Amino acid sequence: MKLRNSIIIFYTISFLIGGQGSAGAKFLQINSFPRAAGLGGTMVARSGLLEAVHYNPAGIATLTGFNAIASHSEYFVDMGYEQFSAAYRTSFGTIAVGLVGLFSGEMEETTETEPLGTGRMFTANDYAIHMSFGRKFTDKFSGGWTAKYVIQTIDKLSATNVVFDIGALYNTGLINNLVIGFALRNFGKDMRYTGENLQNQVKLGESDFEEEDVKIEVVSEDYQLPISFELGFSMDFALPMGSKLTTSLAIRNIVDQAEFSSAGLELNIKDFIILTAGHGNLKALGFNDPSDTQLDGNMRGFSGGFGVNLLPVFRQKTKLFYGFEDHRYLEPIHSVGVQFQL
């Protein structure tokens, strides 16, 4: 019965390939860290921020010293999304390493004959270990790359792959410090599940003269990565008393989704209080009550959050962040995180 369930899953994946939401490893597209989530994920053209490493590896090129950040997100249907990244500036560029993981928690197995549960528990977890490098080549141009080792598991099935990001930033020095960024994310070969759940023993016949049971294995269909090309813009506006307002825009073209745009606003008050706001799909703002078709299947909504610098209190360069993302049908995603700098 487990084999039959696995076959159904992978035939479904095969049928969906090439359509809306058909790519696998979608956890690679989750907005990472509360600050980025509060800005609607518009980190493609933000520089000097460790949070930007998941959107554009060139964003870490201008970091100074040692930086680390960790966060937890309460994701949909009681899943947890965990993230950690650390970066260090060297004489030849900035190196960053990190880990992200989407964890399902234990779920009870159900089958066609036991739809209320068999009593056996299993998990479905996704991980990505990444290493990034960013370098400032001129006073205006920075570039970077990321290599990720991706692991996806469902019960006794698993799939692994090596995935890459590349990106660049260009600081025009014009119009309120306009920065233009682009990134190609999550490109690599297709993935495929293997494992015990695709294996079974088949008896050839009831006769004593028949051969012994034969071991068979179902080969799953390949599934593509959520490859995306992202273009971003950011501008800074100086405010009184050392404060700053940063606007950001991201245009995303993901392989299995219609193109969409996101926007974010960040108010930095003397680097002590940071307030963020954004929207994950600007197309939704053009309708009073848009249909799913009008939104191109993109259910992202408003986002926001805040950060507090604890340096004045603890004499340590530490910031606490909170962020949320609204969704058309599901509960909002809440994230909390902490950032250190030495």
C-alpha atoms as a PDB file:
ATOM      1  CA  MET A   1       0.000   0.000   0.000  1.00  0.00           C
ATOM      2  CA  LYS A   2       2.876   2.371   0.718  1.00  0.00           C
ATOM      3  CA  LEU A   3       4.190   1.639  -2.759  1.00  0.00           C
ATOM      4  CA  ARG A   4       0.828   2.506  -4.313  1.00  0.00           C
ATOM      5  CA  ASN A   5       0.726   5.795  -2.407  1.00  0.00           C
ATOM      6  CA  SER A   6       4.213   6.664  -3.628  1.00  0.00           C
ATOM      7  CA  ILE A   7       3.258   5.898  -7.220  1.00  0.00           C
ATOM      8  CA  ILE A   8       0.240   8.203  -6.949  1.00  0.00           C
ATOM      9  CA  ILE A   9       2.408  11.012  -5.571  1.00  0.00           C
ATOM     10  CA  PHE A  10       4.943  10.824  -8.345  1.00  0.00           C
ATOM     11  CA  TYR A  11       2.428  10.441 -11.160  1.00  0.00           C
ATOM     12  CA  THR A  12       0.829  13.617  -9.777  1.00  0.00           C
ATOM     13  CA  ILE A  13       4.186  15.402  -9.883  1.00  0.00           C
ATOM     14  CA  SER A  14       4.670  14.269 -13.478  1.00  0.00           C
ATOM     15  CA  PHE A  15       1.236  15.583 -14.463  1.00  0.00           C
ATOM     16  CA  LEU A  16       1.921  18.996 -12.915  1.00  0.00           C
ATOM     17  CA  ILE A  17       5.325  19.592 -14.493  1.00  0.00           C
ATOM     18  CA  GLY A  18       5.285  22.749 -16.552  1.00  0.00           C
ATOM     19  CA  GLY A  19       2.266  24.331 -14.832  1.00  0.00           C
ATOM     20  CA  GLN A  20       1.519  26.686 -11.967  1.00  0.00           C
ATOM     21  CA  GLY A  21       3.317  25.532  -8.837  1.00  0.00           C
ATOM     22  CA  SER A  22       4.908  22.588 -10.624  1.00  0.00           C
ATOM     23  CA  ALA A  23       8.511  23.067  -9.485  1.00  0.00           C
ATOM     24  CA  GLY A  24       9.867  21.190  -6.489  1.00  0.00           C
ATOM     25  CA  ALA A  25      12.104  22.348  -3.612  1.00  0.00           C
ATOM     26  CA  LYS A  26       9.777  25.320  -3.139  1.00  0.00           C
ATOM     27  CA  PHE A  27      11.164  25.943   0.340  1.00  0.00           C
ATOM     28  CA  LEU A  28      14.052  27.688  -1.455  1.00  0.00           C
ATOM     29  CA  GLN A  29      11.585  30.477  -2.349  1.00  0.00           C
ATOM     30  CA  ILE A  30      10.395  31.145   1.219  1.00  0.00           C
ATOM     31  CA  ASN A  31      11.229  34.640   2.433  1.00  0.00           C
ATOM     32  CA  SER A  32      14.200  34.254   4.746  1.00  0.00           C
ATOM     33  CA  PHE A  33      14.624  36.196   8.009  1.00  0.00           C
ATOM     34  CA  PRO A  34      12.060  38.558   9.603  1.00  0.00           C
ATOM     35  CA  ARG A  35      13.533  41.752   8.154  1.00  0.00           C
ATOM     36  CA  ALA A  36      13.314  40.415   4.596  1.00  0.00           C
ATOM     37  CA  ALA A  37       9.845  38.982   5.188  1.00  0.00           C
ATOM     38  CA  GLY A  38       8.591  42.337   6.481  1.00  0.00           C
ATOM     39  CA  LEU A  39       9.810  43.951   3.254  1.00  0.00           C
ATOM     40  CA  GLY A  40       7.931  41.494   1.056  1.00  0.00           C
ATOM     41  CA  GLY A  41      11.180  39.755   0.115  1.00  0.00           C
ATOM     42  CA  THR A  42      12.521  42.818  -1.726  1.00  0.00           C
ATOM     43  CA  MET A  43      16.184  42.279  -0.853  1.00  0.00           C
ATOM     44  CA  VAL A  44      17.523  41.883  -4.409  1.00  0.00           C
ATOM     45  CA  ALA A  45      19.065  45.377  -4.451  1.00  0.00           C
ATOM     46  CA  ARG A  46      19.947  45.783  -0.752  1.00  0.00           C
ATOM     47  CA  SER A  47      23.648  45.841   0.085  1.00  0.00           C
ATOM     48  CA  GLY A  48      25.528  45.519   3.360  1.00  0.00           C
ATOM     49  CA  LEU A  49      22.900  43.210   4.898  1.00  0.00           C
ATOM     50  CA  LEU A  50      23.459  39.548   5.742  1.00  0.00           C
ATOM     51  CA  GLU A  51      19.728  38.916   5.235  1.00  0.00           C
ATOM     52  CA  ALA A  52      20.215  39.703   1.537  1.00  0.00           C
ATOM     53  CA  VAL A  53      22.399  36.611   0.962  1.00  0.00           C
ATOM     54  CA  HIS A  54      19.332  34.469   0.128  1.00  0.00           C
ATOM     55  CA  TYR A  55      18.142  36.966  -2.501  1.00  0.00           C
ATOM     56  CA  ASN A  56      21.376  38.219  -4.018  1.00  0.00           C
ATOM     57  CA  PRO A  57      24.785  36.973  -2.829  1.00  0.00           C
ATOM     58  CA  ALA A  58      26.350  40.259  -3.964  1.00  0.00           C
ATOM     59  CA  GLY A  59      24.522  41.895  -1.043  1.00  0.00           C
ATOM     60  CA  ILE A  60      27.114  40.644   1.459  1.00  0.00           C
ATOM     61  CA  ALA A  61      30.090  42.170  -0.384  1.00  0.00           C
ATOM     62  CA  THR A  62      30.132  45.344   1.747  1.00  0.00           C
ATOM     63  CA  LEU A  63      29.644  43.724   5.143  1.00  0.00           C
ATOM     64  CA  THR A  64      32.282  44.507   7.760  1.00  0.00           C
ATOM     65  CA  GLY A  65      33.705  42.213  10.415  1.00  0.00           C
ATOM     66  CA  PHE A  66      31.799  39.118  11.551  1.00  0.00           C
ATOM     67  CA  ASN A  67      28.007  38.907  11.237  1.00  0.00           C
ATOM     68  CA  ALA A  68      25.571  36.156  12.216  1.00  0.00           C
ATOM     69  CA  ILE A  69      21.802  35.871  12.122  1.00  0.00           C
ATOM     70  CA  ALA A  70      19.334  33.192  13.185  1.00  0.00           C
ATOM     71  CA  SER A  71      15.550  33.101  12.970  1.00  0.00           C
ATOM     72  CA  HIS A  72      12.467  30.948  13.384  1.00  0.00           C
ATOM     73  CA  SER A  73       9.229  31.168  11.383  1.00  0.00           C
ATOM     74  CA  GLU A  74       5.871  29.660  12.263  1.00  0.00           C
ATOM     75  CA  TYR A  75       5.013  28.455   8.773  1.00  0.00           C
ATOM     76  CA  PHE A  76       1.771  27.083   7.334  1.00  0.00           C
ATOM     77  CA  VAL A  77       0.016  24.029   8.880  1.00  0.00           C
ATOM     78  CA  ASP A  78       2.242  23.982  11.980  1.00  0.00           C
ATOM     79  CA  MET A  79       5.490  23.638  10.038  1.00  0.00           C
ATOM     80  CA  GLY A  80       8.642  25.351  11.261  1.00  0.00           C
ATOM     81  CA  TYR A  81      11.144  27.204   9.092  1.00  0.00           C
ATOM     82  CA  GLU A  82      14.594  27.664  10.640  1.00  0.00           C
ATOM     83  CA  GLN A  83      17.479  29.727   9.307  1.00  0.00           C
ATOM     84  CA  PHE A  84      21.053  30.514  10.249  1.00  0.00           C
ATOM     85  CA  SER A  85      23.750  32.416   8.382  1.00  0.00           C
ATOM     86  CA  ALA A  86      27.167  33.767   9.319  1.00  0.00           C
ATOM     87  CA  ALA A  87      29.565  35.914   7.287  1.00  0.00           C
ATOM     88  CA  TYR A  88      33.087  37.241   7.654  1.00  0.00           C
ATOM     89  CA  ARG A  89      34.774  39.963   5.636  1.00  0.00           C
ATOM     90  CA  THR A  90      38.279  39.044   4.427  1.00  0.00           C
ATOM     91  CA  SER A  91      40.829  40.949   2.389  1.00  0.00           C
ATOM     92  CA  PHE A  92      39.619  39.306  -0.839  1.00  0.00           C
ATOM     93  CA  GLY A  93      35.863  39.322  -0.221  1.00  0.00           C
ATOM     94  CA  THR A  94      33.087  38.261   2.138  1.00  0.00           C
ATOM     95  CA  ILE A  95      32.454  34.568   2.838  1.00  0.00           C
ATOM     96  CA  ALA A  96      29.145  33.353   4.268  1.00  0.00           C
ATOM     97  CA  VAL A  97      27.842  29.949   5.317  1.00  0.00           C
ATOM     98  CA  GLY A  98      24.436  28.918   6.535  1.00  0.00           C
ATOM     99  CA  LEU A  99      21.615  26.443   6.861  1.00  0.00           C
ATOM    100  CA  VAL A 100      17.876  26.644   6.190  1.00  0.00           C
ATOM    101  CA  GLY A 101      15.329  23.970   6.998  1.00  0.00           C
ATOM    102  CA  LEU A 102      11.592  23.434   6.654  1.00  0.00           C
ATOM    103  CA  PHE A 103      10.333  20.874   9.170  1.00  0.00           C
ATOM    104  CA  SER A 104       6.920  19.225   9.106  1.00  0.00           C
ATOM    105  CA  GLY A 105       6.938  17.670  12.550  1.00  0.00           C
ATOM    106  CA  GLU A 106       5.548  14.157  12.952  1.00  0.00           C
ATOM    107  CA  MET A 107       2.516  13.201  10.849  1.00  0.00           C
ATOM    108  CA  GLU A 108       0.459  10.033  11.002  1.00  0.00           C
ATOM    109  CA  GLU A 109       0.484   7.810   7.944  1.00  0.00           C
ATOM    110  CA  THR A 110      -2.846   7.220   6.188  1.00  0.00           C
ATOM    111  CA  THR A 111      -3.652   4.700   3.459  1.00  0.00           C
ATOM    112  CA  GLU A 112      -6.593   3.864   1.229  1.00  0.00           C
ATOM    113  CA  THR A 113      -7.682   1.119   3.617  1.00  0.00           C
ATOM    114  CA  GLU A 114      -6.922   3.121   6.781  1.00  0.00           C
ATOM    115  CA  PRO A 115      -7.832   6.757   5.986  1.00  0.00           C
ATOM    116  CA  LEU A 116      -7.998   7.658   9.697  1.00  0.00           C
ATOM    117  CA  GLY A 117      -4.391   6.638  10.246  1.00  0.00           C
ATOM    118  CA  THR A 118      -2.250   3.532  10.627  1.00  0.00           C
ATOM    119  CA  GLY A 119      -0.578   4.620  13.867  1.00  0.00           C
ATOM    120  CA  ARG A 120       2.804   4.907  12.160  1.00  0.00           C
ATOM    121  CA  MET A 121       4.386   8.390  12.173  1.00  0.00           C
ATOM    122  CA  PHE A 122       6.629   9.978   9.553  1.00  0.00           C
ATOM    123  CA  THR A 123       8.141  13.361   8.665  1.00  0.00           C
ATOM    124  CA  ALA A 124       8.743  15.449   5.540  1.00  0.00           C
ATOM    125  CA  ASN A 125      11.741  17.768   5.955  1.00  0.00           C
ATOM    126  CA  ASP A 126      13.738  19.964   3.579  1.00  0.00           C
ATOM    127  CA  TYR A 127      17.251  21.319   4.155  1.00  0.00           C
ATOM    128  CA  ALA A 128      19.769  23.470   2.304  1.00  0.00           C
ATOM    129  CA  ILE A 129      23.366  24.060   3.369  1.00  0.00           C
ATOM    130  CA  HIS A 130      24.852  27.045   1.602  1.00  0.00           C
ATOM    131  CA  MET A 131      28.193  28.742   1.075  1.00  0.00           C
ATOM    132  CA  SER A 132      28.339  32.220  -0.455  1.00  0.00           C
ATOM    133  CA  PHE A 133      30.975  34.637  -1.628  1.00  0.00           C
ATOM    134  CA  GLY A 134      30.566  38.337  -2.386  1.00  0.00           C
ATOM    135  CA  ARG A 135      33.120  40.875  -3.496  1.00  0.00           C
ATOM    136  CA  LYS A 136      33.156  44.571  -4.259  1.00  0.00           C
ATOM    137  CA  PHE A 137      35.017  44.928  -7.567  1.00  0.00           C
ATOM    138  CA  THR A 138      34.722  48.712  -7.917  1.00  0.00           C
ATOM    139  CA  ASP A 139      33.211  51.488  -5.826  1.00  0.00           C
ATOM    140  CA  LYS A 140      29.931  50.921  -7.678  1.00  0.00           C
ATOM    141  CA  PHE A 141      29.860  47.244  -8.731  1.00  0.00           C
ATOM    142  CA  SER A 142      29.643  44.109  -6.551  1.00  0.00           C
ATOM    143  CA  GLY A 143      29.135  40.479  -7.491  1.00  0.00           C
ATOM    144  CA  GLY A 144      28.622  37.173  -5.739  1.00  0.00           C
ATOM    145  CA  TRP A 145      27.649  33.515  -5.928  1.00  0.00           C
ATOM    146  CA  THR A 146      26.101  30.873  -3.693  1.00  0.00           C
ATOM    147  CA  ALA A 147      26.363  27.083  -3.799  1.00  0.00           C
ATOM    148  CA  LYS A 148      23.658  25.118  -1.960  1.00  0.00           C
ATOM    149  CA  TYR A 149      23.456  21.435  -1.143  1.00  0.00           C
ATOM    150  CA  VAL A 150      19.736  20.650  -1.078  1.00  0.00           C
ATOM    151  CA  ILE A 151      18.210  17.655   0.704  1.00  0.00           C
ATOM    152  CA  GLN A 152      14.488  16.782   0.559  1.00  0.00           C
ATOM    153  CA  THR A 153      13.006  13.898   2.531  1.00  0.00           C
ATOM    154  CA  ILE A 154       9.514  12.378   2.710  1.00  0.00           C
ATOM    155  CA  ASP A 155       9.311   9.378   5.031  1.00  0.00           C
ATOM    156  CA  LYS A 156      11.841   6.923   3.566  1.00  0.00           C
ATOM    157  CA  LEU A 157      12.320   8.853   0.326  1.00  0.00           C
ATOM    158  CA  SER A 158      15.019  11.442  -0.322  1.00  0.00           C
ATOM    159  CA  ALA A 159      16.375  13.635  -3.101  1.00  0.00           C
ATOM    160  CA  THR A 160      19.616  15.636  -3.156  1.00  0.00           C
ATOM    161  CA  ASN A 161      21.094  18.209  -5.473  1.00  0.00           C
ATOM    162  CA  VAL A 162      23.651  21.017  -5.772  1.00  0.00           C
ATOM    163  CA  VAL A 163      22.028  24.362  -6.598  1.00  0.00           C
ATOM    164  CA  PHE A 164      23.574  27.731  -7.476  1.00  0.00           C
ATOM    165  CA  ASP A 165      22.754  31.446  -7.228  1.00  0.00           C
ATOM    166  CA  ILE A 166      24.622  34.297  -8.896  1.00  0.00           C
ATOM    167  CA  GLY A 167      23.993  38.012  -8.530  1.00  0.00           C
ATOM    168  CA  ALA A 168      25.311  41.524  -8.954  1.00  0.00           C
ATOM    169  CA  LEU A 169      24.685  45.014  -7.592  1.00  0.00           C
ATOM    170  CA  TYR A 170      25.317  48.351  -9.270  1.00  0.00           C
ATOM    171  CA  ASN A 171      25.261  51.494  -7.173  1.00  0.00           C
ATOM    172  CA  THR A 172      24.534  54.298  -9.606  1.00  0.00           C
ATOM    173  CA  GLY A 173      25.364  57.042  -7.110  1.00  0.00           C
ATOM    174  CA  LEU A 174      22.420  58.942  -8.556  1.00  0.00           C
ATOM    175  CA  ILE A 175      18.845  59.723  -7.521  1.00  0.00           C
ATOM    176  CA  ASN A 176      19.004  59.097  -3.787  1.00  0.00           C
ATOM    177  CA  ASN A 177      21.690  56.435  -4.005  1.00  0.00           C
ATOM    178  CA  LEU A 178      19.788  54.278  -6.507  1.00  0.00           C
ATOM    179  CA  VAL A 179      21.017  50.654  -6.456  1.00  0.00           C
ATOM    180  CA  ILE A 180      20.122  48.164  -9.186  1.00  0.00           C
ATOM    181  CA  GLY A 181      20.449  44.449  -8.494  1.00  0.00           C
ATOM    182  CA  PHE A 182      19.824  41.236 -10.354  1.00  0.00           C
ATOM    183  CA  ALA A 183      20.030  37.597  -9.336  1.00  0.00           C
ATOM    184  CA  LEU A 184      19.599  34.203 -10.960  1.00  0.00           C
ATOM    185  CA  ARG A 185      18.557  31.839  -8.190  1.00  0.00           C
ATOM    186  CA  ASN A 186      18.223  28.086  -7.718  1.00  0.00           C
ATOM    187  CA  PHE A 187      19.567  26.845 -11.028  1.00  0.00           C
ATOM    188  CA  GLY A 188      20.829  23.286 -11.352  1.00  0.00           C
ATOM    189  CA  LYS A 189      19.830  19.911 -12.718  1.00  0.00           C
ATOM    190  CA  ASP A 190      16.399  18.377 -12.059  1.00  0.00           C
ATOM    191  CA  MET A 191      15.884  16.335  -8.892  1.00  0.00           C
ATOM    192  CA  ARG A 192      14.511  12.822  -8.353  1.00  0.00           C
ATOM    193  CA  TYR A 193      13.351  10.904  -5.278  1.00  0.00           C
ATOM    194  CA  THR A 194      14.814   7.518  -4.386  1.00  0.00           C
ATOM    195  CA  GLY A 195      14.401   5.271  -1.371  1.00  0.00           C
ATOM    196  CA  GLU A 196      12.694   2.401   0.362  1.00  0.00           C
ATOM    197  CA  ASN A 197       9.139   3.634  -0.266  1.00  0.00           C
ATOM    198  CA  LEU A 198       9.638   3.024  -3.988  1.00  0.00           C
ATOM    199  CA  GLN A 199      10.675  -0.590  -3.462  1.00  0.00           C
ATOM    200  CA  ASN A 200       8.529  -3.694  -3.049  1.00  0.00           C
ATOM    201  CA  GLN A 201       8.569  -7.487  -3.254  1.00  0.00           C
ATOM    202  CA  VAL A 202       6.386  -9.106  -5.917  1.00  0.00           C
ATOM    203  CA  LYS A 203       5.448 -12.818  -5.904  1.00  0.00           C
ATOM    204  CA  LEU A 204       5.424 -14.210  -9.436  1.00  0.00           C
ATOM    205  CA  GLY A 205       2.919 -16.957  -8.729  1.00  0.00           C
ATOM    206  CA  GLU A 206       1.393 -19.391  -6.232  1.00  0.00           C
ATOM    207  CA  SER A 207       3.138 -22.488  -7.580  1.00  0.00           C
ATOM    208  CA  ASP A 208       5.948 -24.013  -5.570  1.00  0.00           C
ATOM    209  CA  PHE A 209       7.916 -24.222  -8.816  1.00  0.00           C
ATOM    210  CA  GLU A 210       7.823 -20.470  -9.344  1.00  0.00           C
ATOM    211  CA  GLU A 211      10.927 -18.410  -8.611  1.00  0.00           C
ATOM    212  CA  GLU A 212      11.263 -16.507  -5.351  1.00  0.00           C
ATOM    213  CA  ASP A 213       9.712 -13.086  -4.887  1.00  0.00           C
ATOM    214  CA  VAL A 214      11.264 -10.454  -7.100  1.00  0.00           C
ATOM    215  CA  LYS A 215      12.301  -7.065  -5.795  1.00  0.00           C
ATOM    216  CA  ILE A 216      11.015  -4.173  -7.917  1.00  0.00           C
ATOM    217  CA  GLU A 217      11.632  -0.451  -7.681  1.00  0.00           C
ATOM    218  CA  VAL A 218       9.516   2.358  -9.074  1.00  0.00           C
ATOM    219  CA  VAL A 219      11.539   5.156 -10.683  1.00  0.00           C
ATOM    220  CA  SER A 220      10.141   8.585  -9.833  1.00  0.00           C
ATOM    221  CA  GLU A 221       9.782  11.349 -12.388  1.00  0.00           C
ATOM    222  CA  ASP A 222      12.363  14.137 -12.368  1.00  0.00           C
ATOM    223  CA  TYR A 223      11.131  17.490 -11.096  1.00  0.00           C
ATOM    224  CA  GLN A 224      12.556  20.903 -11.803  1.00  0.00           C
ATOM    225  CA  LEU A 225      13.962  23.456  -9.383  1.00  0.00           C
ATOM    226  CA  PRO A 226      12.207  26.795  -8.684  1.00  0.00           C
ATOM    227  CA  ILE A 227      14.652  28.691 -10.907  1.00  0.00           C
ATOM    228  CA  SER A 228      14.026  32.438 -10.867  1.00  0.00           C
ATOM    229  CA  PHE A 229      15.396  35.608 -12.376  1.00  0.00           C
ATOM    230  CA  GLU A 230      14.961  38.610 -10.113  1.00  0.00           C
ATOM    231  CA  LEU A 231      15.518  42.301 -10.774  1.00  0.00           C
ATOM    232  CA  GLY A 232      15.558  44.794  -7.917  1.00  0.00           C
ATOM    233  CA  PHE A 233      15.862  48.508  -7.151  1.00  0.00           C
ATOM    234  CA  SER A 234      16.421  50.395  -3.911  1.00  0.00           C
ATOM    235  CA  MET A 235      16.704  54.088  -2.994  1.00  0.00           C
ATOM    236  CA  ASP A 236      17.623  55.887   0.238  1.00  0.00           C
ATOM    237  CA  PHE A 237      16.048  59.084   1.506  1.00  0.00           C
ATOM    238  CA  ALA A 238      17.781  60.979   4.315  1.00  0.00           C
ATOM    239  CA  LEU A 239      15.507  62.130   7.145  1.00  0.00           C
ATOM    240  CA  PRO A 240      16.108  64.470  10.083  1.00  0.00           C
ATOM    241  CA  MET A 241      18.123  63.404  13.143  1.00  0.00           C
ATOM    242  CA  GLY A 242      20.134  60.714  11.361  1.00  0.00           C
ATOM    243  CA  SER A 243      17.169  58.617  10.253  1.00  0.00           C
ATOM    244  CA  LYS A 244      16.712  57.083   6.811  1.00  0.00           C
ATOM    245  CA  LEU A 245      13.877  55.763   4.634  1.00  0.00           C
ATOM    246  CA  THR A 246      14.718  53.019   2.144  1.00  0.00           C
ATOM    247  CA  THR A 247      12.363  51.989  -0.652  1.00  0.00           C
ATOM    248  CA  SER A 248      12.791  48.694  -2.478  1.00  0.00           C
ATOM    249  CA  LEU A 249      11.172  46.981  -5.447  1.00  0.00           C
ATOM    250  CA  ALA A 250      11.637  43.447  -6.779  1.00  0.00           C
ATOM    251  CA  ILE A 251      10.384  41.973 -10.063  1.00  0.00           C
ATOM    252  CA  ARG A 252      10.441  38.175 -10.059  1.00  0.00           C
ATOM    253  CA  ASN A 253      10.140  35.664 -12.854  1.00  0.00           C
ATOM    254  CA  ILE A 254       9.934  32.156 -11.388  1.00  0.00           C
ATOM    255  CA  VAL A 255       9.843  29.131 -13.671  1.00  0.00           C
ATOM    256  CA  ASP A 256       6.429  27.880 -12.525  1.00  0.00           C
ATOM    257  CA  GLN A 257       4.705  31.190 -11.735  1.00  0.00           C
ATOM    258  CA  ALA A 258       3.526  34.262 -13.587  1.00  0.00           C
ATOM    259  CA  GLU A 259       5.837  37.258 -13.236  1.00  0.00           C
ATOM    260  CA  PHE A 260       5.036  39.417 -10.211  1.00  0.00           C
ATOM    261  CA  SER A 261       6.357  42.471  -8.368  1.00  0.00           C
ATOM    262  CA  SER A 262       6.835  43.193  -4.667  1.00  0.00           C
ATOM    263  CA  ALA A 263       7.596  46.420  -2.825  1.00  0.00           C
ATOM    264  CA  GLY A 264       8.980  47.345   0.577  1.00  0.00           C
ATOM    265  CA  LEU A 265       9.571  50.367   2.835  1.00  0.00           C
ATOM    266  CA  GLU A 266      12.063  50.499   5.686  1.00  0.00           C
ATOM    267  CA  LEU A 267      12.311  53.315   8.216  1.00  0.00           C
ATOM    268  CA  ASN A 268      15.606  53.236  10.116  1.00  0.00           C
ATOM    269  CA  ILE A 269      15.535  55.548  13.117  1.00  0.00           C
ATOM    270  CA  LYS A 270      19.168  56.198  14.093  1.00  0.00           C
ATOM    271  CA  ASP A 271      19.857  52.453  13.648  1.00  0.00           C
ATOM    272  CA  PHE A 272      17.984  51.949  16.928  1.00  0.00           C
ATOM    273  CA  ILE A 273      14.443  51.212  15.720  1.00  0.00           C
ATOM    274  CA  ILE A 274      13.821  49.669  12.284  1.00  0.00           C
ATOM    275  CA  LEU A 275      10.253  49.542  10.923  1.00  0.00           C
ATOM    276  CA  THR A 276       9.386  47.540   7.798  1.00  0.00           C
ATOM    277  CA  ALA A 277       6.316  47.276   5.572  1.00  0.00           C
ATOM    278  CA  GLY A 278       5.685  45.726   2.181  1.00  0.00           C
ATOM    279  CA  HIS A 279       3.430  43.802  -0.169  1.00  0.00           C
ATOM    280  CA  GLY A 280       4.244  40.491  -1.831  1.00  0.00           C
ATOM    281  CA  ASN A 281       2.145  40.942  -4.983  1.00  0.00           C
ATOM    282  CA  LEU A 282       1.498  44.495  -6.176  1.00  0.00           C
ATOM    283  CA  LYS A 283      -1.061  43.264  -8.719  1.00  0.00           C
ATOM    284  CA  ALA A 284      -3.477  42.693  -5.809  1.00  0.00           C
ATOM    285  CA  LEU A 285      -3.542  46.437  -5.097  1.00  0.00           C
ATOM    286  CA  GLY A 286      -5.215  47.128  -8.443  1.00  0.00           C
ATOM    287  CA  PHE A 287      -8.444  45.287  -7.558  1.00  0.00           C
ATOM    288  CA  ASN A 288     -11.063  45.693  -4.830  1.00  0.00           C
ATOM    289  CA  ASP A 289     -11.672  41.958  -4.558  1.00  0.00           C
ATOM    290  CA  PRO A 290      -9.369  40.205  -7.024  1.00  0.00           C
ATOM    291  CA  SER A 291     -10.011  36.657  -8.153  1.00  0.00           C
ATOM    292  CA  ASP A 292      -7.335  33.984  -8.004  1.00  0.00           C
ATOM    293  CA  THR A 293      -7.047  34.231 -11.788  1.00  0.00           C
ATOM    294  CA  GLN A 294      -6.462  37.980 -11.630  1.00  0.00           C
ATOM    295  CA  LEU A 295      -3.729  37.377  -9.069  1.00  0.00           C
ATOM    296  CA  ASP A 296      -2.132  34.718 -11.324  1.00  0.00           C
ATOM    297  CA  GLY A 297      -2.321  32.279  -8.421  1.00  0.00           C
ATOM    298  CA  ASN A 298      -0.071  34.476  -6.235  1.00  0.00           C
ATOM    299  CA  MET A 299      -1.701  34.746  -2.798  1.00  0.00           C
ATOM    300  CA  ARG A 300       0.942  36.946  -1.136  1.00  0.00           C
ATOM    301  CA  GLY A 301      -0.342  39.984   0.729  1.00  0.00           C
ATOM    302  CA  PHE A 302       0.813  42.741   3.077  1.00  0.00           C
ATOM    303  CA  SER A 303       3.852  42.270   5.282  1.00  0.00           C
ATOM    304  CA  GLY A 304       5.545  44.204   8.045  1.00  0.00           C
ATOM    305  CA  GLY A 305       7.709  44.083  11.119  1.00  0.00           C
ATOM    306  CA  PHE A 306      10.231  45.863  13.305  1.00  0.00           C
ATOM    307  CA  GLY A 307      13.721  45.581  14.719  1.00  0.00           C
ATOM    308  CA  VAL A 308      15.345  46.866  17.906  1.00  0.00           C
ATOM    309  CA  ASN A 309      19.047  47.517  18.403  1.00  0.00           C
ATOM    310  CA  LEU A 310      20.132  46.319  21.865  1.00  0.00           C
ATOM    311  CA  LEU A 311      23.525  48.037  21.754  1.00  0.00           C
ATOM    312  CA  PRO A 312      22.495  50.892  24.085  1.00  0.00           C
ATOM    313  CA  VAL A 313      21.261  48.376  26.660  1.00  0.00           C
ATOM    314  CA  PHE A 314      23.761  45.499  26.548  1.00  0.00           C
ATOM    315  CA  ARG A 315      26.760  47.234  24.929  1.00  0.00           C
ATOM    316  CA  GLN A 316      26.675  44.510  22.295  1.00  0.00           C
ATOM    317  CA  LYS A 317      25.891  44.888  18.583  1.00  0.00           C
ATOM    318  CA  THR A 318      22.752  42.781  18.703  1.00  0.00           C
ATOM    319  CA  LYS A 319      19.402  43.356  16.995  1.00  0.00           C
ATOM    320  CA  LEU A 320      16.092  41.602  17.543  1.00  0.00           C
ATOM    321  CA  PHE A 321      13.611  41.368  14.651  1.00  0.00           C
ATOM    322  CA  TYR A 322       9.992  40.411  14.143  1.00  0.00           C
ATOM    323  CA  GLY A 323       8.225  40.034  10.793  1.00  0.00           C
ATOM    324  CA  PHE A 324       4.916  38.802   9.407  1.00  0.00           C
ATOM    325  CA  GLU A 325       3.515  37.988   5.974  1.00  0.00           C
ATOM    326  CA  ASP A 326      -0.185  37.930   5.197  1.00  0.00           C
ATOM    327  CA  HIS A 327      -1.770  35.391   2.847  1.00  0.00           C
ATOM    328  CA  ARG A 328      -5.088  35.389   1.009  1.00  0.00           C
ATOM    329  CA  TYR A 329      -6.342  32.095   2.447  1.00  0.00           C
ATOM    330  CA  LEU A 330      -3.882  30.749   5.014  1.00  0.00           C
ATOM    331  CA  GLU A 331      -2.840  32.119   8.376  1.00  0.00           C
ATOM    332  CA  PRO A 332      -0.109  34.808   8.423  1.00  0.00           C
ATOM    333  CA  ILE A 333       3.505  33.686   8.746  1.00  0.00           C
ATOM    334  CA  HIS A 334       5.228  35.046  11.878  1.00  0.00           C
ATOM    335  CA  SER A 335       9.015  35.216  12.200  1.00  0.00           C
ATOM    336  CA  VAL A 336      11.430  36.193  14.965  1.00  0.00           C
ATOM    337  CA  GLY A 337      15.189  36.501  14.699  1.00  0.00           C
ATOM    338  CA  VAL A 338      18.383  37.811  16.258  1.00  0.00           C
ATOM    339  CA  GLN A 339      21.440  39.332  14.603  1.00  0.00           C
ATOM    340  CA  PHE A 340      24.994  39.677  16.002  1.00  0.00           C
ATOM    341  CA  GLN A 341      27.909  41.740  14.758  1.00  0.00           C
ATOM    342  CA  LEU A 342      31.531  41.759  15.931  1.00  0.00           C
END
